[in-house]
Amino acid sequence: MDQTLPIDDTQTRDPDDARWRQVAERRPGGDFVYAVTTTGIYCKPGCASRLPKRQNVAFFDDGAGAEAAGFRPCKRCRPDNARIVDPRLAAVAEACRRIEAAETAPSLEALGEITGYSPFHLQRLFQAMVGVSPKQYAEAVKAERLRRGLRAGGGVADALYGAGYGSPSRVYEKSAALLGMTPASYAAGGRGAAIRFAIADGPLGRVLAAATGKGLCMVALADDDASLEAELRRDFPEAQIARDDAGLKPTMEAVLAYLDGRGAADTLPLDVRATAFQWQVWQALAAIPPGETRTYGELADALGKTGAARAVGRACATNPVSLIIPCHRAVGSNGSLTGYRWGTDRKRALLARERGQKEEG
């Protein structure tokens, strides 16, 4: 009687199945790289490049092995980077990418499954590294989509639904927090928003302080009043703008006290709109002690976004209250005083004043 022996599938199973599943699911991490034989390029798991066919993929324990076999590193994911990437950072970065790419934000459970962390652990990691929860980050992403849609001029309703909001009424209820004004007003360049401003002599020239009913929306420096008012109207072209030196006297006194080292920035209410990343950069700037500096690269590293020095620089450049949120404390990689909207002389003077005040204190 013939007997059919059971097949030992452990001998026929592809030993790289687990690695391929990780590549196909674009999950970062792991102790290997994969190479694509049709392109001659090798990548890290989680690379956002086009997914290759399984039959065209080879696996190596490290980049050295891939390069020894004649493959070159991917310019997108940089698998040859000598820095050791913290797998926790890679997981949070992947969660951010998934949130940004999705029309409907993935649940915390789904993000945990993608990154290999429990929902509870991922929530804690995300909060620690990004500064907000995954849900808050998703809301910020959605709000930014709404801003872009409104600016594009496609209509308020299209912008609302295109950004992923299921109920327009909820957006109008939260519009002050999302946009600083209603969606329709934001789409019209601030039309209907009331902004008052005052101008006074400061330690480094004329100082403008502009505010809505919520708080400061702009602080600026210049040599003359006309330039300051022109800058304000350029940033808020459709708002209702009026000068009110008397009404804003307490606000201006608080701004000048801060510039003189006699007040604290956190006592000044702000009304500025920003993405989640911009807020992270601005919070990192505020944490730099007066008179000290950090390079854009150091700020990026502190945020867990190594290599994002240029993005940090852009966030500094878009800071509308850059005397209160101290972007003058950010410098180039060689310590040079670059990228200050009111000139390097004022940047140097601000730092010198802070250092002098620190020594006196």
Protein backbone atom coordinates (compact mmCIF):
# COMPACT_ATOMS: atom_id res chain seq x y z
CA MET A 1 0.00 0.00 0.00
CA ASP A 2 1.41 3.33 -1.06
CA GLN A 3 1.76 5.97 1.58
CA THR A 4 2.01 9.67 0.82
CA LEU A 5 4.55 11.30 3.03
CA PRO A 6 3.67 14.75 4.42
CA ILE A 7 5.53 17.59 2.75
CA ASP A 8 7.90 19.53 4.97
CA ASP A 9 7.10 23.05 3.76
CA THR A 10 9.88 24.48 5.89
CA GLN A 11 12.22 23.25 3.16
CA THR A 12 10.26 24.83 0.31
CA ARG A 13 9.14 28.07 1.98
CA ASP A 14 11.05 31.17 0.88
CA PRO A 15 13.28 32.11 3.84
CA ASP A 16 12.88 35.78 2.87
CA ASP A 17 9.07 35.76 3.00
CA ALA A 18 8.97 37.81 6.20
CA ARG A 19 11.37 40.36 4.74
CA TRP A 20 9.33 40.63 1.55
CA ARG A 21 6.11 41.15 3.51
CA GLN A 22 7.78 44.03 5.36
CA VAL A 23 8.93 45.57 2.06
CA ALA A 24 5.49 45.12 0.43
CA GLU A 25 3.78 46.71 3.43
CA ARG A 26 6.40 49.51 3.47
CA ARG A 27 7.12 48.99 7.16
CA PRO A 28 10.37 50.68 8.26
CA GLY A 29 12.97 49.10 10.50
CA GLY A 30 14.56 45.69 10.35
CA ASP A 31 18.16 44.57 10.00
CA PHE A 32 18.38 44.21 6.23
CA VAL A 33 18.25 46.02 2.91
CA TYR A 34 16.66 44.93 -0.35
CA ALA A 35 18.05 45.33 -3.86
CA VAL A 36 16.15 45.57 -7.14
CA THR A 37 17.91 43.63 -9.86
CA THR A 38 16.27 45.55 -12.71
CA THR A 39 17.48 48.94 -11.49
CA GLY A 40 20.70 48.04 -9.69
CA ILE A 41 19.57 50.01 -6.60
CA TYR A 42 19.20 48.90 -3.00
CA CYS A 43 16.84 50.40 -0.41
CA LYS A 44 15.80 50.28 3.22
CA PRO A 45 12.48 48.66 4.17
CA GLY A 46 9.85 51.37 4.21
CA CYS A 47 11.31 53.23 1.22
CA ALA A 48 8.61 55.21 -0.57
CA SER A 49 9.95 54.31 -4.02
CA ARG A 50 7.79 52.29 -6.41
CA LEU A 51 7.29 48.72 -5.16
CA PRO A 52 9.25 46.24 -7.33
CA LYS A 53 8.12 42.77 -8.35
CA ARG A 54 9.09 40.02 -5.92
CA GLN A 55 11.09 38.11 -8.52
CA ASN A 56 13.30 41.18 -9.05
CA VAL A 57 14.23 41.57 -5.37
CA ALA A 58 17.28 40.27 -3.50
CA PHE A 59 17.94 40.69 0.22
CA PHE A 60 21.17 41.53 2.02
CA ASP A 61 22.01 41.84 5.69
CA ASP A 62 23.46 45.30 5.17
CA GLY A 63 24.39 47.91 2.61
CA ALA A 64 27.99 46.68 2.40
CA GLY A 65 26.77 43.31 1.16
CA ALA A 66 24.52 44.94 -1.42
CA GLU A 67 27.32 47.18 -2.68
CA ALA A 68 29.70 44.23 -2.84
CA ALA A 69 27.17 42.59 -5.17
CA GLY A 70 27.24 45.66 -7.43
CA PHE A 71 24.16 47.57 -6.24
CA ARG A 72 24.17 51.31 -5.52
CA PRO A 73 22.26 53.07 -2.71
CA CYS A 74 18.85 54.65 -3.27
CA LYS A 75 18.98 58.44 -3.27
CA ARG A 76 15.52 58.63 -1.75
CA CYS A 77 15.84 56.55 1.42
CA ARG A 78 19.66 56.80 1.72
CA PRO A 79 20.33 53.25 3.00
CA ASP A 80 24.07 54.00 3.02
CA ASN A 81 23.64 56.68 5.69
CA ALA A 82 26.09 55.83 8.42
CA ARG A 83 23.90 57.21 11.19
CA ILE A 84 22.07 54.64 13.26
CA VAL A 85 18.35 55.30 12.86
CA ASP A 86 16.34 54.84 16.02
CA PRO A 87 13.56 52.35 15.14
CA ARG A 88 11.18 54.36 17.32
CA LEU A 89 11.85 57.45 15.20
CA ALA A 90 11.36 55.41 12.03
CA ALA A 91 8.01 54.16 13.35
CA VAL A 92 6.78 57.66 14.21
CA ALA A 93 7.98 59.00 10.84
CA GLU A 94 6.07 56.21 9.09
CA ALA A 95 2.95 57.02 11.12
CA CYS A 96 3.26 60.67 10.04
CA ARG A 97 3.59 59.64 6.39
CA ARG A 98 0.52 57.39 6.61
CA ILE A 99 -1.54 60.15 8.21
CA GLU A 100 -0.44 62.69 5.58
CA ALA A 101 -1.16 60.33 2.66
CA ALA A 102 -4.60 59.12 3.81
CA GLU A 103 -7.88 60.81 2.86
CA THR A 104 -9.33 59.56 6.15
CA ALA A 105 -6.86 59.43 9.03
CA PRO A 106 -5.96 55.85 10.00
CA SER A 107 -6.94 54.76 13.49
CA LEU A 108 -4.37 54.43 16.24
CA GLU A 109 -4.85 50.66 16.08
CA ALA A 110 -4.13 50.64 12.33
CA LEU A 111 -1.02 52.78 12.81
CA GLY A 112 0.13 50.44 15.55
CA GLU A 113 -0.24 47.45 13.26
CA ILE A 114 1.69 49.19 10.50
CA THR A 115 4.57 50.25 12.75
CA GLY A 116 4.70 47.16 14.93
CA TYR A 117 3.89 48.97 18.19
CA SER A 118 0.89 48.67 20.45
CA PRO A 119 -1.55 51.60 20.17
CA PHE A 120 -0.69 52.68 23.72
CA HIS A 121 3.07 52.59 23.10
CA LEU A 122 2.77 54.34 19.73
CA GLN A 123 0.63 57.09 21.26
CA ARG A 124 3.32 57.78 23.88
CA LEU A 125 6.17 57.69 21.32
CA PHE A 126 4.31 59.97 18.91
CA GLN A 127 3.45 62.48 21.63
CA ALA A 128 7.05 62.54 22.88
CA MET A 129 8.67 62.96 19.45
CA VAL A 130 6.15 65.10 17.56
CA GLY A 131 4.72 67.08 20.46
CA VAL A 132 1.10 66.26 19.65
CA SER A 133 -0.96 63.07 19.53
CA PRO A 134 -1.60 61.20 16.24
CA LYS A 135 -5.18 62.48 16.34
CA GLN A 136 -4.04 66.08 16.79
CA TYR A 137 -1.48 65.65 14.02
CA ALA A 138 -4.20 64.31 11.71
CA GLU A 139 -6.38 67.33 12.55
CA ALA A 140 -3.48 69.65 11.70
CA VAL A 141 -2.93 67.86 8.38
CA LYS A 142 -6.63 68.15 7.58
CA ALA A 143 -6.66 71.82 8.52
CA GLU A 144 -3.68 72.47 6.25
CA ARG A 145 -5.51 70.77 3.37
CA LEU A 146 -8.46 73.05 4.07
CA ARG A 147 -6.21 76.13 3.93
CA ARG A 148 -4.72 75.01 0.60
CA GLY A 149 -8.16 74.29 -0.81
CA LEU A 150 -9.51 77.67 0.22
CA ARG A 151 -6.46 79.46 -1.17
CA ALA A 152 -6.89 77.58 -4.47
CA GLY A 153 -10.24 79.31 -4.96
CA GLY A 154 -12.32 76.21 -5.66
CA GLY A 155 -15.12 77.19 -3.31
CA VAL A 156 -15.65 76.67 0.39
CA ALA A 157 -17.75 73.50 0.08
CA ASP A 158 -15.23 71.81 -2.24
CA ALA A 159 -12.38 72.76 0.08
CA LEU A 160 -14.20 71.40 3.13
CA TYR A 161 -14.98 68.02 1.62
CA GLY A 162 -11.66 67.83 -0.19
CA ALA A 163 -9.86 68.26 3.12
CA GLY A 164 -11.83 65.38 4.63
CA TYR A 165 -14.40 67.22 6.75
CA GLY A 166 -17.71 65.38 6.74
CA SER A 167 -19.72 68.20 8.31
CA PRO A 168 -19.28 71.87 7.32
CA SER A 169 -21.04 72.97 10.51
CA ARG A 170 -18.30 71.40 12.65
CA VAL A 171 -15.65 73.31 10.73
CA TYR A 172 -17.44 76.62 11.20
CA GLU A 173 -17.73 75.88 14.92
CA LYS A 174 -13.96 75.33 15.10
CA SER A 175 -12.93 77.88 12.46
CA ALA A 176 -11.31 80.29 14.92
CA ALA A 177 -8.98 77.56 16.14
CA LEU A 178 -8.30 76.19 12.65
CA LEU A 179 -7.96 79.38 10.66
CA GLY A 180 -8.30 82.37 13.02
CA MET A 181 -11.45 83.32 11.08
CA THR A 182 -14.31 81.66 9.19
CA PRO A 183 -13.41 79.49 6.15
CA ALA A 184 -15.05 81.95 3.76
CA SER A 185 -13.11 84.85 5.25
CA TYR A 186 -9.84 82.91 5.11
CA ALA A 187 -10.47 82.05 1.45
CA ALA A 188 -10.86 85.75 0.77
CA GLY A 189 -7.43 86.60 2.20
CA GLY A 190 -8.72 87.57 5.63
CA ARG A 191 -11.69 89.58 4.41
CA GLY A 192 -13.79 90.60 7.39
CA ALA A 193 -11.11 89.90 9.98
CA ALA A 194 -10.43 92.95 12.15
CA ILE A 195 -6.78 93.71 12.90
CA ARG A 196 -5.57 96.68 14.94
CA PHE A 197 -1.96 97.77 15.04
CA ALA A 198 0.30 100.16 16.90
CA ILE A 199 3.82 101.43 16.17
CA ALA A 200 6.35 102.71 18.68
CA ASP A 201 10.07 103.29 19.15
CA GLY A 202 11.95 100.17 20.17
CA PRO A 203 15.54 99.25 20.99
CA LEU A 204 16.29 98.41 17.34
CA GLY A 205 14.13 100.84 15.41
CA ARG A 206 10.40 101.21 14.98
CA VAL A 207 8.31 98.27 16.24
CA LEU A 208 4.87 97.24 14.97
CA ALA A 209 2.51 95.11 17.04
CA ALA A 210 -0.69 93.93 15.34
CA ALA A 211 -3.47 91.96 17.00
CA THR A 212 -6.86 90.40 16.42
CA GLY A 213 -9.35 89.88 19.20
CA LYS A 214 -7.50 86.67 20.10
CA GLY A 215 -3.94 87.96 20.34
CA LEU A 216 -0.84 89.12 18.48
CA CYS A 217 -0.79 88.18 14.82
CA MET A 218 2.33 90.10 13.80
CA VAL A 219 5.37 91.78 15.36
CA ALA A 220 7.81 93.50 13.02
CA LEU A 221 10.81 95.85 12.87
CA ALA A 222 11.70 98.57 10.38
CA ASP A 223 13.21 102.03 10.13
CA ASP A 224 9.94 103.79 9.29
CA ASP A 225 6.21 103.45 9.88
CA ALA A 226 5.26 103.26 6.20
CA SER A 227 7.34 100.11 5.65
CA LEU A 228 5.80 98.43 8.70
CA GLU A 229 2.23 99.18 7.68
CA ALA A 230 2.94 98.04 4.10
CA GLU A 231 4.29 94.72 5.39
CA LEU A 232 1.20 94.21 7.56
CA ARG A 233 -1.18 94.92 4.68
CA ARG A 234 0.81 92.65 2.38
CA ASP A 235 0.45 89.73 4.83
CA PHE A 236 -3.27 90.39 5.44
CA PRO A 237 -4.44 91.88 2.13
CA GLU A 238 -8.19 91.58 2.72
CA ALA A 239 -8.45 92.18 6.46
CA GLN A 240 -9.95 95.29 8.02
CA ILE A 241 -6.82 97.02 9.34
CA ALA A 242 -6.80 100.10 11.51
CA ARG A 243 -4.12 101.86 13.53
CA ASP A 244 -4.94 102.10 17.23
CA ASP A 245 -1.91 103.25 19.24
CA ALA A 246 -4.01 104.14 22.28
CA GLY A 247 -6.09 100.98 22.36
CA LEU A 248 -3.05 98.72 21.92
CA LYS A 249 -0.85 100.62 24.37
CA PRO A 250 -0.85 97.78 26.99
CA THR A 251 0.02 95.25 24.28
CA MET A 252 2.82 97.41 22.90
CA GLU A 253 4.20 98.02 26.41
CA ALA A 254 4.28 94.24 26.97
CA VAL A 255 6.09 93.69 23.65
CA LEU A 256 8.69 96.37 24.43
CA ALA A 257 9.16 95.01 27.96
CA TYR A 258 9.88 91.59 26.47
CA LEU A 259 12.39 93.06 24.00
CA ASP A 260 14.09 94.86 26.90
CA GLY A 261 14.32 91.65 28.91
CA ARG A 262 11.72 92.82 31.45
CA GLY A 263 8.89 90.48 30.45
CA ALA A 264 8.16 86.91 29.43
CA ALA A 265 6.96 85.80 26.01
CA ASP A 266 4.37 83.42 27.44
CA THR A 267 2.43 86.38 28.86
CA LEU A 268 1.65 87.59 25.33
CA PRO A 269 -1.39 85.88 23.73
CA LEU A 270 -0.83 84.93 20.09
CA ASP A 271 -3.15 84.46 17.12
CA VAL A 272 -0.96 82.81 14.49
CA ARG A 273 -1.82 80.00 12.09
CA ALA A 274 0.70 77.25 11.53
CA THR A 275 1.13 73.62 10.58
CA ALA A 276 2.02 71.06 13.24
CA PHE A 277 5.65 71.11 12.06
CA GLN A 278 5.88 74.90 12.24
CA TRP A 279 4.57 74.82 15.80
CA GLN A 280 7.20 72.21 16.72
CA VAL A 281 9.97 74.42 15.32
CA TRP A 282 8.64 77.53 17.03
CA GLN A 283 8.41 75.71 20.38
CA ALA A 284 12.01 74.54 19.94
CA LEU A 285 13.07 78.14 19.25
CA ALA A 286 11.30 79.35 22.39
CA ALA A 287 13.21 76.75 24.41
CA ILE A 288 16.62 78.21 23.44
CA PRO A 289 17.93 80.32 26.35
CA PRO A 290 18.25 84.07 25.58
CA GLY A 291 21.60 84.97 24.06
CA GLU A 292 22.31 81.42 22.93
CA THR A 293 21.97 79.98 19.43
CA ARG A 294 21.28 76.66 17.74
CA THR A 295 21.93 75.72 14.12
CA TYR A 296 19.01 74.76 11.90
CA GLY A 297 20.46 71.25 11.83
CA GLU A 298 20.60 71.05 15.62
CA LEU A 299 16.98 72.15 15.82
CA ALA A 300 16.01 69.47 13.28
CA ASP A 301 17.89 66.84 15.30
CA ALA A 302 16.17 67.96 18.50
CA LEU A 303 12.80 67.44 16.79
CA GLY A 304 13.81 63.96 15.65
CA LYS A 305 13.91 65.12 12.03
CA THR A 306 17.58 64.76 11.15
CA GLY A 307 18.31 66.16 7.71
CA ALA A 308 15.40 68.61 7.78
CA ALA A 309 17.51 71.74 8.35
CA ARG A 310 16.03 73.49 5.31
CA ALA A 311 12.49 72.76 6.44
CA VAL A 312 13.36 74.22 9.85
CA GLY A 313 14.74 77.30 8.12
CA ARG A 314 11.49 77.74 6.19
CA ALA A 315 9.48 77.42 9.41
CA CYS A 316 11.63 80.17 10.93
CA ALA A 317 11.14 82.38 7.88
CA THR A 318 7.33 82.08 8.07
CA ASN A 319 7.16 83.04 11.74
CA PRO A 320 4.96 86.18 11.81
CA VAL A 321 5.87 87.13 15.39
CA SER A 322 9.56 86.44 15.14
CA LEU A 323 10.55 88.76 17.96
CA ILE A 324 8.28 86.91 20.37
CA ILE A 325 9.08 83.46 18.93
CA PRO A 326 12.86 84.03 18.77
CA CYS A 327 13.96 82.85 15.32
CA HIS A 328 16.99 85.17 15.67
CA ARG A 329 18.48 82.41 17.86
CA ALA A 330 18.68 80.05 14.86
CA VAL A 331 21.93 80.22 12.85
CA GLY A 332 23.62 78.56 9.90
CA SER A 333 25.63 75.34 10.15
CA ASN A 334 28.87 77.31 10.61
CA GLY A 335 27.33 79.68 13.15
CA SER A 336 26.74 82.45 10.59
CA LEU A 337 23.84 84.85 11.17
CA THR A 338 21.83 84.06 8.06
CA GLY A 339 18.22 84.21 7.03
CA TYR A 340 16.73 87.01 9.14
CA ARG A 341 13.93 88.99 7.52
CA TRP A 342 15.00 92.27 9.16
CA GLY A 343 18.70 91.93 8.40
CA THR A 344 21.72 90.33 10.02
CA ASP A 345 22.67 93.56 11.80
CA ARG A 346 19.44 93.47 13.82
CA LYS A 347 19.88 89.74 14.43
CA ARG A 348 23.38 90.35 15.77
CA ALA A 349 22.14 93.24 17.91
CA LEU A 350 19.27 91.19 19.38
CA LEU A 351 21.65 88.41 20.41
CA ALA A 352 24.13 90.93 21.85
CA ARG A 353 21.37 92.56 23.90
CA GLU A 354 20.23 89.19 25.23
CA ARG A 355 23.78 88.22 26.18
CA GLY A 356 24.30 91.55 27.92
CA GLN A 357 21.04 91.19 29.85
CA LYS A 358 22.02 87.65 30.84
CA GLU A 359 25.40 88.81 32.17
CA GLU A 360 23.77 91.66 34.10
CA GLY A 361 21.26 89.23 35.59
